[in-house]
């Protein structure tokens, strides 16, 4: 993330108070951009971990269920800046709401709809 700033040079050795104030604001923005970069990195690590859990579940159970595909697609979308984050965030909120209301997650409802059968199994 880059910030551009137009400055008027008063002289080589002096600056006006308004320029100092603007520079302070830019430094604050730079620090907050660093925080946002850090949060983005944490989000990516968490997303890799979530996809790892899905892959581990598939390998452990030796089958792929509809919920696994849904989790993989949403996990993949979460890597796409902008709309992908929105889709993943809405899914996460919707999943929490569904689980709190019905007692089952969206993935569990999807598995139930397909008779809790595996799409692919190598047991």
PDB file of N, CA and C in Angstrom:
ATOM      1  N   UNK A   1       0.859  -1.162   0.000  1.00  0.00           N
ATOM      2  CA  UNK A   1       0.000   0.000   0.000  1.00  0.00           C
ATOM      3  C   UNK A   1       0.903   1.222   0.000  1.00  0.00           C
ATOM      4  N   UNK A   2       0.654   2.127  -0.915  1.00  0.00           N
ATOM      5  CA  UNK A   2       1.478   3.310  -1.002  1.00  0.00           C
ATOM      6  C   UNK A   2       0.621   4.550  -0.827  1.00  0.00           C
ATOM      7  N   UNK A   3       1.213   5.546  -0.183  1.00  0.00           N
ATOM      8  CA  UNK A   3       0.558   6.826  -0.019  1.00  0.00           C
ATOM      9  C   UNK A   3       1.391   7.876  -0.733  1.00  0.00           C
ATOM     10  N   UNK A   4       0.748   8.705  -1.503  1.00  0.00           N
ATOM     11  CA  UNK A   4       1.447   9.762  -2.213  1.00  0.00           C
ATOM     12  C   UNK A   4       1.119  11.093  -1.552  1.00  0.00           C
ATOM     13  N   UNK A   5       2.091  11.982  -1.548  1.00  0.00           N
ATOM     14  CA  UNK A   5       1.935  13.239  -0.840  1.00  0.00           C
ATOM     15  C   UNK A   5       2.620  14.336  -1.628  1.00  0.00           C
ATOM     16  N   UNK A   6       1.911  15.405  -1.856  1.00  0.00           N
ATOM     17  CA  UNK A   6       2.508  16.572  -2.501  1.00  0.00           C
ATOM     18  C   UNK A   6       2.890  17.567  -1.414  1.00  0.00           C
ATOM     19  N   UNK A   7       4.117  18.008  -1.443  1.00  0.00           N
ATOM     20  CA  UNK A   7       4.582  18.949  -0.426  1.00  0.00           C
ATOM     21  C   UNK A   7       5.139  20.198  -1.094  1.00  0.00           C
ATOM     22  N   UNK A   8       4.985  21.285  -0.403  1.00  0.00           N
ATOM     23  CA  UNK A   8       5.569  22.540  -0.857  1.00  0.00           C
ATOM     24  C   UNK A   8       6.782  22.811   0.021  1.00  0.00           C
ATOM     25  N   UNK A   9       7.929  22.941  -0.591  1.00  0.00           N
ATOM     26  CA  UNK A   9       9.152  23.183   0.165  1.00  0.00           C
ATOM     27  C   UNK A   9       9.259  24.673   0.455  1.00  0.00           C
ATOM     28  N   UNK A  10       9.330  25.007   1.738  1.00  0.00           N
ATOM     29  CA  UNK A  10       9.457  26.403   2.136  1.00  0.00           C
ATOM     30  C   UNK A  10      10.895  26.838   1.959  1.00  0.00           C
ATOM     31  N   UNK A  11      11.791  26.076   2.463  1.00  0.00           N
ATOM     32  CA  UNK A  11      13.221  26.296   2.236  1.00  0.00           C
ATOM     33  C   UNK A  11      13.911  24.977   2.531  1.00  0.00           C
ATOM     34  N   UNK A  12      15.178  24.908   2.312  1.00  0.00           N
ATOM     35  CA  UNK A  12      15.884  23.656   2.517  1.00  0.00           C
ATOM     36  C   UNK A  12      15.960  23.275   3.987  1.00  0.00           C
ATOM     37  N   UNK A  13      15.903  24.223   4.885  1.00  0.00           N
ATOM     38  CA  UNK A  13      16.119  23.924   6.301  1.00  0.00           C
ATOM     39  C   UNK A  13      14.907  24.190   7.174  1.00  0.00           C
ATOM     40  N   UNK A  14      13.820  24.720   6.619  1.00  0.00           N
ATOM     41  CA  UNK A  14      12.673  25.006   7.470  1.00  0.00           C
ATOM     42  C   UNK A  14      11.412  24.386   6.879  1.00  0.00           C
ATOM     43  N   UNK A  15      10.452  24.174   7.753  1.00  0.00           N
ATOM     44  CA  UNK A  15       9.161  23.640   7.328  1.00  0.00           C
ATOM     45  C   UNK A  15       8.080  24.363   8.112  1.00  0.00           C
ATOM     46  N   UNK A  16       6.931  24.503   7.531  1.00  0.00           N
ATOM     47  CA  UNK A  16       5.832  25.157   8.244  1.00  0.00           C
ATOM     48  C   UNK A  16       5.174  24.150   9.177  1.00  0.00           C
ATOM     49  N   UNK A  17       4.398  24.662  10.130  1.00  0.00           N
ATOM     50  CA  UNK A  17       3.697  23.790  11.060  1.00  0.00           C
ATOM     51  C   UNK A  17       2.693  22.898  10.332  1.00  0.00           C
ATOM     52  N   UNK A  18       2.055  23.409   9.292  1.00  0.00           N
ATOM     53  CA  UNK A  18       1.080  22.592   8.576  1.00  0.00           C
ATOM     54  C   UNK A  18       1.771  21.427   7.867  1.00  0.00           C
ATOM     55  N   UNK A  19       2.970  21.645   7.335  1.00  0.00           N
ATOM     56  CA  UNK A  19       3.696  20.543   6.704  1.00  0.00           C
ATOM     57  C   UNK A  19       4.116  19.497   7.732  1.00  0.00           C
ATOM     58  N   UNK A  20       4.529  19.966   8.909  1.00  0.00           N
ATOM     59  CA  UNK A  20       4.906  19.022   9.971  1.00  0.00           C
ATOM     60  C   UNK A  20       3.688  18.208  10.382  1.00  0.00           C
ATOM     61  N   UNK A  21       2.541  18.847  10.496  1.00  0.00           N
ATOM     62  CA  UNK A  21       1.317  18.138  10.848  1.00  0.00           C
ATOM     63  C   UNK A  21       0.973  17.102   9.779  1.00  0.00           C
ATOM     64  N   UNK A  22       1.118  17.477   8.509  1.00  0.00           N
ATOM     65  CA  UNK A  22       0.827  16.539   7.421  1.00  0.00           C
ATOM     66  C   UNK A  22       1.793  15.357   7.432  1.00  0.00           C
ATOM     67  N   UNK A  23       3.052  15.652   7.695  1.00  0.00           N
ATOM     68  CA  UNK A  23       4.044  14.583   7.753  1.00  0.00           C
ATOM     69  C   UNK A  23       3.722  13.635   8.904  1.00  0.00           C
ATOM     70  N   UNK A  24       3.304  14.167  10.045  1.00  0.00           N
ATOM     71  CA  UNK A  24       2.929  13.320  11.178  1.00  0.00           C
ATOM     72  C   UNK A  24       1.755  12.425  10.813  1.00  0.00           C
ATOM     73  N   UNK A  25       0.789  12.988  10.103  1.00  0.00           N
ATOM     74  CA  UNK A  25      -0.370  12.187   9.681  1.00  0.00           C
ATOM     75  C   UNK A  25       0.061  11.083   8.726  1.00  0.00           C
ATOM     76  N   UNK A  26       0.972  11.390   7.815  1.00  0.00           N
ATOM     77  CA  UNK A  26       1.456  10.371   6.883  1.00  0.00           C
ATOM     78  C   UNK A  26       2.196   9.262   7.604  1.00  0.00           C
ATOM     79  N   UNK A  27       2.988   9.631   8.602  1.00  0.00           N
ATOM     80  CA  UNK A  27       3.680   8.601   9.380  1.00  0.00           C
ATOM     81  C   UNK A  27       2.683   7.713  10.112  1.00  0.00           C
ATOM     82  N   UNK A  28       1.637   8.311  10.655  1.00  0.00           N
ATOM     83  CA  UNK A  28       0.605   7.526  11.336  1.00  0.00           C
ATOM     84  C   UNK A  28      -0.084   6.586  10.345  1.00  0.00           C
ATOM     85  N   UNK A  29      -0.366   7.080   9.144  1.00  0.00           N
ATOM     86  CA  UNK A  29      -0.964   6.225   8.127  1.00  0.00           C
ATOM     87  C   UNK A  29      -0.030   5.084   7.758  1.00  0.00           C
ATOM     88  N   UNK A  30       1.242   5.374   7.683  1.00  0.00           N
ATOM     89  CA  UNK A  30       2.224   4.337   7.379  1.00  0.00           C
ATOM     90  C   UNK A  30       2.263   3.262   8.436  1.00  0.00           C
ATOM     91  N   UNK A  31       2.173   3.677   9.701  1.00  0.00           N
ATOM     92  CA  UNK A  31       2.152   2.696  10.788  1.00  0.00           C
ATOM     93  C   UNK A  31       0.895   1.862  10.730  1.00  0.00           C
ATOM     94  N   UNK A  32      -0.249   2.491  10.465  1.00  0.00           N
ATOM     95  CA  UNK A  32      -1.487   1.717  10.391  1.00  0.00           C
ATOM     96  C   UNK A  32      -1.473   0.803   9.175  1.00  0.00           C
ATOM     97  N   UNK A  33      -0.808   1.227   8.086  1.00  0.00           N
ATOM     98  CA  UNK A  33      -0.672   0.348   6.930  1.00  0.00           C
ATOM     99  C   UNK A  33       0.147  -0.877   7.311  1.00  0.00           C
ATOM    100  N   UNK A  34       1.167  -0.705   8.150  1.00  0.00           N
ATOM    101  CA  UNK A  34       1.954  -1.831   8.622  1.00  0.00           C
ATOM    102  C   UNK A  34       1.115  -2.790   9.447  1.00  0.00           C
ATOM    103  N   UNK A  35       0.232  -2.252  10.259  1.00  0.00           N
ATOM    104  CA  UNK A  35      -0.679  -3.081  11.042  1.00  0.00           C
ATOM    105  C   UNK A  35      -1.602  -3.854  10.118  1.00  0.00           C
ATOM    106  N   UNK A  36      -2.124  -3.178   9.092  1.00  0.00           N
ATOM    107  CA  UNK A  36      -2.999  -3.857   8.137  1.00  0.00           C
ATOM    108  C   UNK A  36      -2.257  -4.952   7.384  1.00  0.00           C
ATOM    109  N   UNK A  37      -1.010  -4.692   7.027  1.00  0.00           N
ATOM    110  CA  UNK A  37      -0.207  -5.724   6.373  1.00  0.00           C
ATOM    111  C   UNK A  37      -0.021  -6.918   7.299  1.00  0.00           C
ATOM    112  N   UNK A  38       0.203  -6.650   8.578  1.00  0.00           N
ATOM    113  CA  UNK A  38       0.350  -7.726   9.548  1.00  0.00           C
ATOM    114  C   UNK A  38      -0.918  -8.540   9.699  1.00  0.00           C
ATOM    115  N   UNK A  39      -2.051  -7.850   9.732  1.00  0.00           N
ATOM    116  CA  UNK A  39      -3.333  -8.557   9.825  1.00  0.00           C
ATOM    117  C   UNK A  39      -3.587  -9.397   8.577  1.00  0.00           C
ATOM    118  N   UNK A  40      -3.208  -8.866   7.428  1.00  0.00           N
ATOM    119  CA  UNK A  40      -3.372  -9.617   6.189  1.00  0.00           C
ATOM    120  C   UNK A  40      -2.519 -10.890   6.225  1.00  0.00           C
ATOM    121  N   UNK A  41      -1.304 -10.783   6.742  1.00  0.00           N
ATOM    122  CA  UNK A  41      -0.430 -11.955   6.846  1.00  0.00           C
ATOM    123  C   UNK A  41      -1.017 -12.986   7.809  1.00  0.00           C
ATOM    124  N   UNK A  42      -1.560 -12.528   8.928  1.00  0.00           N
ATOM    125  CA  UNK A  42      -2.192 -13.436   9.888  1.00  0.00           C
ATOM    126  C   UNK A  42      -3.389 -14.130   9.236  1.00  0.00           C
ATOM    127  N   UNK A  43      -4.162 -13.375   8.459  1.00  0.00           N
ATOM    128  CA  UNK A  43      -5.308 -13.957   7.758  1.00  0.00           C
ATOM    129  C   UNK A  43      -4.899 -15.038   6.780  1.00  0.00           C
ATOM    130  N   UNK A  44      -3.796 -14.808   6.061  1.00  0.00           N
ATOM    131  CA  UNK A  44      -3.324 -15.820   5.110  1.00  0.00           C
ATOM    132  C   UNK A  44      -2.873 -17.084   5.826  1.00  0.00           C
ATOM    133  N   UNK A  45      -2.156 -16.905   6.936  1.00  0.00           N
ATOM    134  CA  UNK A  45      -1.697 -18.069   7.698  1.00  0.00           C
ATOM    135  C   UNK A  45      -2.898 -18.851   8.229  1.00  0.00           C
ATOM    136  N   UNK A  46      -3.891 -18.141   8.748  1.00  0.00           N
ATOM    137  CA  UNK A  46      -5.094 -18.809   9.255  1.00  0.00           C
ATOM    138  C   UNK A  46      -5.834 -19.533   8.138  1.00  0.00           C
ATOM    139  N   UNK A  47      -5.846 -18.939   6.948  1.00  0.00           N
ATOM    140  CA  UNK A  47      -6.534 -19.574   5.835  1.00  0.00           C
ATOM    141  C   UNK A  47      -5.801 -20.835   5.383  1.00  0.00           C
ATOM    142  N   UNK A  48      -4.460 -20.772   5.337  1.00  0.00           N
ATOM    143  CA  UNK A  48      -3.697 -21.982   5.018  1.00  0.00           C
ATOM    144  C   UNK A  48      -3.964 -23.067   6.057  1.00  0.00           C
ATOM    145  N   UNK A  49      -4.037 -22.681   7.318  1.00  0.00           N
ATOM    146  CA  UNK A  49      -4.305 -23.652   8.382  1.00  0.00           C
ATOM    147  C   UNK A  49      -5.687 -24.274   8.209  1.00  0.00           C
ATOM    148  N   UNK A  50      -6.685 -23.454   7.863  1.00  0.00           N
ATOM    149  CA  UNK A  50      -8.044 -23.976   7.665  1.00  0.00           C
ATOM    150  C   UNK A  50      -8.090 -24.948   6.494  1.00  0.00           C
ATOM    151  N   UNK A  51      -7.407 -24.603   5.401  1.00  0.00           N
ATOM    152  CA  UNK A  51      -7.365 -25.521   4.261  1.00  0.00           C
ATOM    153  C   UNK A  51      -6.601 -26.788   4.611  1.00  0.00           C
ATOM    154  N   UNK A  52      -5.594 -26.650   5.463  1.00  0.00           N
ATOM    155  CA  UNK A  52      -4.868 -27.830   5.928  1.00  0.00           C
ATOM    156  C   UNK A  52      -5.750 -28.748   6.759  1.00  0.00           C
ATOM    157  N   UNK A  53      -6.620 -28.157   7.561  1.00  0.00           N
ATOM    158  CA  UNK A  53      -7.549 -28.956   8.365  1.00  0.00           C
ATOM    159  C   UNK A  53      -8.520 -29.706   7.447  1.00  0.00           C
ATOM    160  N   UNK A  54      -9.015 -29.030   6.424  1.00  0.00           N
ATOM    161  CA  UNK A  54      -9.925 -29.685   5.466  1.00  0.00           C
ATOM    162  C   UNK A  54      -9.203 -30.844   4.782  1.00  0.00           C
ATOM    163  N   UNK A  55      -7.977 -30.602   4.310  1.00  0.00           N
ATOM    164  CA  UNK A  55      -7.212 -31.668   3.655  1.00  0.00           C
ATOM    165  C   UNK A  55      -6.928 -32.817   4.621  1.00  0.00           C
ATOM    166  N   UNK A  56      -6.583 -32.491   5.855  1.00  0.00           N
ATOM    167  CA  UNK A  56      -6.334 -33.524   6.855  1.00  0.00           C
ATOM    168  C   UNK A  56      -7.567 -34.354   7.140  1.00  0.00           C
ATOM    169  N   UNK A  57      -8.713 -33.698   7.212  1.00  0.00           N
ATOM    170  CA  UNK A  57      -9.981 -34.407   7.450  1.00  0.00           C
ATOM    171  C   UNK A  57     -10.288 -35.363   6.303  1.00  0.00           C
ATOM    172  N   UNK A  58     -10.076 -34.895   5.079  1.00  0.00           N
ATOM    173  CA  UNK A  58     -10.326 -35.734   3.906  1.00  0.00           C
ATOM    174  C   UNK A  58      -9.388 -36.941   3.916  1.00  0.00           C
ATOM    175  N   UNK A  59      -8.113 -36.713   4.179  1.00  0.00           N
ATOM    176  CA  UNK A  59      -7.152 -37.818   4.189  1.00  0.00           C
ATOM    177  C   UNK A  59      -7.418 -38.792   5.334  1.00  0.00           C
ATOM    178  N   UNK A  60      -7.772 -38.266   6.500  1.00  0.00           N
ATOM    179  CA  UNK A  60      -8.033 -39.129   7.654  1.00  0.00           C
ATOM    180  C   UNK A  60      -9.280 -39.988   7.429  1.00  0.00           C
ATOM    181  N   UNK A  61     -10.357 -39.368   6.936  1.00  0.00           N
ATOM    182  CA  UNK A  61     -11.602 -40.105   6.714  1.00  0.00           C
ATOM    183  C   UNK A  61     -11.592 -40.911   5.424  1.00  0.00           C
ATOM    184  N   UNK A  62     -10.617 -40.675   4.566  1.00  0.00           N
ATOM    185  CA  UNK A  62     -10.470 -41.354   3.274  1.00  0.00           C
ATOM    186  C   UNK A  62     -11.717 -41.212   2.412  1.00  0.00           C
ATOM    187  N   UNK A  63     -12.289 -39.999   2.442  1.00  0.00           N
ATOM    188  CA  UNK A  63     -13.466 -39.702   1.617  1.00  0.00           C
ATOM    189  C   UNK A  63     -13.642 -38.199   1.487  1.00  0.00           C
ATOM    190  N   UNK A  64     -14.304 -37.817   0.407  1.00  0.00           N
ATOM    191  CA  UNK A  64     -14.606 -36.413   0.168  1.00  0.00           C
ATOM    192  C   UNK A  64     -16.120 -36.259   0.216  1.00  0.00           C
ATOM    193  N   UNK A  65     -16.587 -35.426   1.122  1.00  0.00           N
ATOM    194  CA  UNK A  65     -18.019 -35.153   1.256  1.00  0.00           C
ATOM    195  C   UNK A  65     -18.317 -33.777   0.672  1.00  0.00           C
ATOM    196  N   UNK A  66     -19.592 -33.489   0.406  1.00  0.00           N
ATOM    197  CA  UNK A  66     -19.953 -32.169  -0.136  1.00  0.00           C
ATOM    198  C   UNK A  66     -19.471 -31.003   0.730  1.00  0.00           C
ATOM    199  N   UNK A  67     -19.491 -31.172   2.043  1.00  0.00           N
ATOM    200  CA  UNK A  67     -19.039 -30.102   2.933  1.00  0.00           C
ATOM    201  C   UNK A  67     -17.550 -29.819   2.762  1.00  0.00           C
ATOM    202  N   UNK A  68     -16.778 -30.869   2.433  1.00  0.00           N
ATOM    203  CA  UNK A  68     -15.340 -30.676   2.208  1.00  0.00           C
ATOM    204  C   UNK A  68     -15.099 -29.823   0.964  1.00  0.00           C
ATOM    205  N   UNK A  69     -15.872 -30.064  -0.070  1.00  0.00           N
ATOM    206  CA  UNK A  69     -15.744 -29.273  -1.294  1.00  0.00           C
ATOM    207  C   UNK A  69     -16.147 -27.829  -1.021  1.00  0.00           C
ATOM    208  N   UNK A  70     -17.246 -27.636  -0.300  1.00  0.00           N
ATOM    209  CA  UNK A  70     -17.689 -26.286   0.057  1.00  0.00           C
ATOM    210  C   UNK A  70     -16.609 -25.555   0.855  1.00  0.00           C
ATOM    211  N   UNK A  71     -16.044 -26.222   1.846  1.00  0.00           N
ATOM    212  CA  UNK A  71     -14.999 -25.600   2.671  1.00  0.00           C
ATOM    213  C   UNK A  71     -13.762 -25.269   1.837  1.00  0.00           C
ATOM    214  N   UNK A  72     -13.413 -26.135   0.903  1.00  0.00           N
ATOM    215  CA  UNK A  72     -12.272 -25.876   0.036  1.00  0.00           C
ATOM    216  C   UNK A  72     -12.505 -24.695  -0.893  1.00  0.00           C
ATOM    217  N   UNK A  73     -13.709 -24.598  -1.446  1.00  0.00           N
ATOM    218  CA  UNK A  73     -14.029 -23.482  -2.345  1.00  0.00           C
ATOM    219  C   UNK A  73     -14.033 -22.162  -1.575  1.00  0.00           C
ATOM    220  N   UNK A  74     -14.651 -22.149  -0.414  1.00  0.00           N
ATOM    221  CA  UNK A  74     -14.680 -20.925   0.391  1.00  0.00           C
ATOM    222  C   UNK A  74     -13.267 -20.566   0.855  1.00  0.00           C
ATOM    223  N   UNK A  75     -12.487 -21.566   1.230  1.00  0.00           N
ATOM    224  CA  UNK A  75     -11.103 -21.314   1.624  1.00  0.00           C
ATOM    225  C   UNK A  75     -10.276 -20.759   0.479  1.00  0.00           C
ATOM    226  N   UNK A  76     -10.510 -21.249  -0.721  1.00  0.00           N
ATOM    227  CA  UNK A  76      -9.817 -20.720  -1.892  1.00  0.00           C
ATOM    228  C   UNK A  76     -10.242 -19.298  -2.201  1.00  0.00           C
ATOM    229  N   UNK A  77     -11.534 -19.025  -2.072  1.00  0.00           N
ATOM    230  CA  UNK A  77     -12.041 -17.671  -2.332  1.00  0.00           C
ATOM    231  C   UNK A  77     -11.464 -16.671  -1.336  1.00  0.00           C
ATOM    232  N   UNK A  78     -11.176 -17.125  -0.134  1.00  0.00           N
ATOM    233  CA  UNK A  78     -10.647 -16.226   0.895  1.00  0.00           C
ATOM    234  C   UNK A  78      -9.264 -15.683   0.546  1.00  0.00           C
ATOM    235  N   UNK A  79      -8.583 -16.291  -0.411  1.00  0.00           N
ATOM    236  CA  UNK A  79      -7.281 -15.781  -0.844  1.00  0.00           C
ATOM    237  C   UNK A  79      -7.412 -14.647  -1.856  1.00  0.00           C
ATOM    238  N   UNK A  80      -8.605 -14.428  -2.377  1.00  0.00           N
ATOM    239  CA  UNK A  80      -8.808 -13.400  -3.404  1.00  0.00           C
ATOM    240  C   UNK A  80      -9.161 -12.089  -2.713  1.00  0.00           C
ATOM    241  N   UNK A  81      -8.303 -11.074  -2.833  1.00  0.00           N
ATOM    242  CA  UNK A  81      -8.583  -9.793  -2.180  1.00  0.00           C
ATOM    243  C   UNK A  81      -9.885  -9.176  -2.689  1.00  0.00           C
ATOM    244  N   UNK A  82     -10.556  -8.506  -1.804  1.00  0.00           N
ATOM    245  CA  UNK A  82     -11.798  -7.822  -2.185  1.00  0.00           C
ATOM    246  C   UNK A  82     -12.998  -8.729  -2.073  1.00  0.00           C
ATOM    247  N   UNK A  83     -13.539  -9.125  -3.220  1.00  0.00           N
ATOM    248  CA  UNK A  83     -14.788  -9.887  -3.195  1.00  0.00           C
ATOM    249  C   UNK A  83     -14.603 -11.262  -2.565  1.00  0.00           C
ATOM    250  N   UNK A  84     -13.444 -11.870  -2.707  1.00  0.00           N
ATOM    251  CA  UNK A  84     -13.210 -13.186  -2.099  1.00  0.00           C
ATOM    252  C   UNK A  84     -13.271 -13.125  -0.583  1.00  0.00           C
ATOM    253  N   UNK A  85     -12.678 -12.046  -0.042  1.00  0.00           N
ATOM    254  CA  UNK A  85     -12.748 -11.855   1.413  1.00  0.00           C
ATOM    255  C   UNK A  85     -14.194 -11.658   1.847  1.00  0.00           C
ATOM    256  N   UNK A  86     -14.951 -10.913   1.044  1.00  0.00           N
ATOM    257  CA  UNK A  86     -16.364 -10.672   1.365  1.00  0.00           C
ATOM    258  C   UNK A  86     -17.169 -11.951   1.350  1.00  0.00           C
ATOM    259  N   UNK A  87     -16.958 -12.774   0.322  1.00  0.00           N
ATOM    260  CA  UNK A  87     -17.676 -14.050   0.218  1.00  0.00           C
ATOM    261  C   UNK A  87     -17.340 -14.943   1.413  1.00  0.00           C
ATOM    262  N   UNK A  88     -16.059 -15.057   1.714  1.00  0.00           N
ATOM    263  CA  UNK A  88     -15.641 -15.903   2.831  1.00  0.00           C
ATOM    264  C   UNK A  88     -16.173 -15.368   4.159  1.00  0.00           C
ATOM    265  N   UNK A  89     -16.152 -14.048   4.318  1.00  0.00           N
ATOM    266  CA  UNK A  89     -16.672 -13.448   5.550  1.00  0.00           C
ATOM    267  C   UNK A  89     -18.162 -13.662   5.708  1.00  0.00           C
ATOM    268  N   UNK A  90     -18.914 -13.487   4.624  1.00  0.00           N
ATOM    269  CA  UNK A  90     -20.363 -13.720   4.676  1.00  0.00           C
ATOM    270  C   UNK A  90     -20.669 -15.185   4.955  1.00  0.00           C
ATOM    271  N   UNK A  91     -19.900 -16.078   4.355  1.00  0.00           N
ATOM    272  CA  UNK A  91     -20.091 -17.505   4.624  1.00  0.00           C
ATOM    273  C   UNK A  91     -19.823 -17.803   6.101  1.00  0.00           C
ATOM    274  N   UNK A  92     -18.752 -17.241   6.637  1.00  0.00           N
ATOM    275  CA  UNK A  92     -18.404 -17.472   8.044  1.00  0.00           C
ATOM    276  C   UNK A  92     -19.522 -16.984   8.962  1.00  0.00           C
ATOM    277  N   UNK A  93     -20.024 -15.780   8.703  1.00  0.00           N
ATOM    278  CA  UNK A  93     -21.115 -15.225   9.523  1.00  0.00           C
ATOM    279  C   UNK A  93     -22.380 -16.061   9.353  1.00  0.00           C
ATOM    280  N   UNK A  94     -22.685 -16.417   8.100  1.00  0.00           N
ATOM    281  CA  UNK A  94     -23.860 -17.249   7.844  1.00  0.00           C
ATOM    282  C   UNK A  94     -23.757 -18.610   8.497  1.00  0.00           C
ATOM    283  N   UNK A  95     -22.549 -19.184   8.498  1.00  0.00           N
ATOM    284  CA  UNK A  95     -22.346 -20.487   9.121  1.00  0.00           C
ATOM    285  C   UNK A  95     -22.540 -20.410  10.630  1.00  0.00           C
ATOM    286  N   UNK A  96     -22.015 -19.334  11.240  1.00  0.00           N
ATOM    287  CA  UNK A  96     -22.228 -19.157  12.683  1.00  0.00           C
ATOM    288  C   UNK A  96     -23.703 -18.987  13.011  1.00  0.00           C
ATOM    289  N   UNK A  97     -24.397 -18.184  12.201  1.00  0.00           N
ATOM    290  CA  UNK A  97     -25.824 -17.965  12.422  1.00  0.00           C
ATOM    291  C   UNK A  97     -26.603 -19.261  12.242  1.00  0.00           C
ATOM    292  N   UNK A  98     -26.295 -20.013  11.205  1.00  0.00           N
ATOM    293  CA  UNK A  98     -26.985 -21.279  10.948  1.00  0.00           C
ATOM    294  C   UNK A  98     -26.760 -22.261  12.084  1.00  0.00           C
ATOM    295  N   UNK A  99     -25.521 -22.335  12.545  1.00  0.00           N
ATOM    296  CA  UNK A  99     -25.218 -23.273  13.635  1.00  0.00           C
ATOM    297  C   UNK A  99     -25.901 -22.854  14.935  1.00  0.00           C
ATOM    298  N   UNK A 100     -25.978 -21.545  15.191  1.00  0.00           N
ATOM    299  CA  UNK A 100     -26.618 -21.104  16.433  1.00  0.00           C
ATOM    300  C   UNK A 100     -28.135 -21.304  16.377  1.00  0.00           C
ATOM    301  N   UNK A 101     -28.720 -21.227  15.194  1.00  0.00           N
ATOM    302  CA  UNK A 101     -30.172 -21.379  15.069  1.00  0.00           C
ATOM    303  C   UNK A 101     -30.593 -22.843  14.972  1.00  0.00           C
ATOM    304  N   UNK A 102     -29.877 -23.620  14.134  1.00  0.00           N
ATOM    305  CA  UNK A 102     -30.308 -24.998  13.870  1.00  0.00           C
ATOM    306  C   UNK A 102     -29.496 -26.054  14.610  1.00  0.00           C
ATOM    307  N   UNK A 103     -28.335 -25.682  15.102  1.00  0.00           N
ATOM    308  CA  UNK A 103     -27.478 -26.650  15.772  1.00  0.00           C
ATOM    309  C   UNK A 103     -26.541 -27.375  14.825  1.00  0.00           C
ATOM    310  N   UNK A 104     -26.665 -27.131  13.515  1.00  0.00           N
ATOM    311  CA  UNK A 104     -25.789 -27.737  12.516  1.00  0.00           C
ATOM    312  C   UNK A 104     -25.218 -26.656  11.615  1.00  0.00           C
ATOM    313  N   UNK A 105     -24.016 -26.895  11.122  1.00  0.00           N
ATOM    314  CA  UNK A 105     -23.385 -25.931  10.223  1.00  0.00           C
ATOM    315  C   UNK A 105     -23.969 -26.068   8.816  1.00  0.00           C
ATOM    316  N   UNK A 106     -23.626 -25.126   7.953  1.00  0.00           N
ATOM    317  CA  UNK A 106     -24.068 -25.185   6.560  1.00  0.00           C
ATOM    318  C   UNK A 106     -23.538 -26.463   5.906  1.00  0.00           C
ATOM    319  N   UNK A 107     -22.286 -26.815   6.198  1.00  0.00           N
ATOM    320  CA  UNK A 107     -21.712 -28.041   5.653  1.00  0.00           C
ATOM    321  C   UNK A 107     -22.446 -29.286   6.104  1.00  0.00           C
ATOM    322  N   UNK A 108     -22.865 -29.317   7.363  1.00  0.00           N
ATOM    323  CA  UNK A 108     -23.621 -30.474   7.855  1.00  0.00           C
ATOM    324  C   UNK A 108     -24.983 -30.561   7.171  1.00  0.00           C
ATOM    325  N   UNK A 109     -25.620 -29.406   6.961  1.00  0.00           N
ATOM    326  CA  UNK A 109     -26.897 -29.403   6.237  1.00  0.00           C
ATOM    327  C   UNK A 109     -26.696 -29.902   4.802  1.00  0.00           C
ATOM    328  N   UNK A 110     -25.604 -29.489   4.177  1.00  0.00           N
ATOM    329  CA  UNK A 110     -25.304 -29.933   2.819  1.00  0.00           C
ATOM    330  C   UNK A 110     -25.072 -31.441   2.781  1.00  0.00           C
ATOM    331  N   UNK A 111     -24.322 -31.957   3.735  1.00  0.00           N
ATOM    332  CA  UNK A 111     -24.113 -33.411   3.806  1.00  0.00           C
ATOM    333  C   UNK A 111     -25.431 -34.144   4.023  1.00  0.00           C
ATOM    334  N   UNK A 112     -26.285 -33.621   4.904  1.00  0.00           N
ATOM    335  CA  UNK A 112     -27.584 -34.246   5.157  1.00  0.00           C
ATOM    336  C   UNK A 112     -28.445 -34.265   3.894  1.00  0.00           C
ATOM    337  N   UNK A 113     -28.382 -33.185   3.127  1.00  0.00           N
ATOM    338  CA  UNK A 113     -29.171 -33.092   1.900  1.00  0.00           C
ATOM    339  C   UNK A 113     -28.776 -34.193   0.914  1.00  0.00           C
ATOM    340  N   UNK A 114     -27.491 -34.505   0.864  1.00  0.00           N
ATOM    341  CA  UNK A 114     -27.010 -35.560  -0.032  1.00  0.00           C
ATOM    342  C   UNK A 114     -26.938 -36.921   0.653  1.00  0.00           C
ATOM    343  N   UNK A 115     -27.650 -37.092   1.746  1.00  0.00           N
ATOM    344  CA  UNK A 115     -27.730 -38.381   2.424  1.00  0.00           C
ATOM    345  C   UNK A 115     -26.466 -38.759   3.172  1.00  0.00           C
ATOM    346  N   UNK A 116     -25.663 -37.793   3.527  1.00  0.00           N
ATOM    347  CA  UNK A 116     -24.415 -38.003   4.265  1.00  0.00           C
ATOM    348  C   UNK A 116     -23.514 -39.037   3.585  1.00  0.00           C
ATOM    349  N   UNK A 117     -23.565 -39.060   2.253  1.00  0.00           N
ATOM    350  CA  UNK A 117     -22.728 -39.977   1.475  1.00  0.00           C
ATOM    351  C   UNK A 117     -21.495 -39.245   0.974  1.00  0.00           C
ATOM    352  N   UNK A 118     -20.431 -40.016   0.833  1.00  0.00           N
ATOM    353  CA  UNK A 118     -19.194 -39.463   0.283  1.00  0.00           C
ATOM    354  C   UNK A 118     -19.312 -39.365  -1.230  1.00  0.00           C
ATOM    355  N   UNK A 119     -18.742 -38.324  -1.781  1.00  0.00           N
ATOM    356  CA  UNK A 119     -18.690 -38.183  -3.235  1.00  0.00           C
ATOM    357  C   UNK A 119     -17.613 -39.106  -3.784  1.00  0.00           C
ATOM    358  N   UNK A 120     -16.477 -39.144  -3.104  1.00  0.00           N
ATOM    359  CA  UNK A 120     -15.372 -40.018  -3.469  1.00  0.00           C
ATOM    360  C   UNK A 120     -14.880 -40.690  -2.178  1.00  0.00           C
ATOM    361  N   UNK A 121     -14.668 -41.992  -2.243  1.00  0.00           N
ATOM    362  CA  UNK A 121     -14.173 -42.700  -1.065  1.00  0.00           C
ATOM    363  C   UNK A 121     -13.110 -43.704  -1.507  1.00  0.00           C
ATOM    364  N   UNK A 122     -12.068 -43.857  -0.714  1.00  0.00           N
ATOM    365  CA  UNK A 122     -11.045 -44.835  -1.020  1.00  0.00           C
ATOM    366  C   UNK A 122     -10.745 -45.693   0.209  1.00  0.00           C
ATOM    367  N   UNK A 123     -11.810 -46.006   0.952  1.00  0.00           N
ATOM    368  CA  UNK A 123     -11.674 -46.862   2.144  1.00  0.00           C
ATOM    369  C   UNK A 123     -11.477 -48.298   1.750  1.00  0.00           C
TER     370      UNK A 123
END
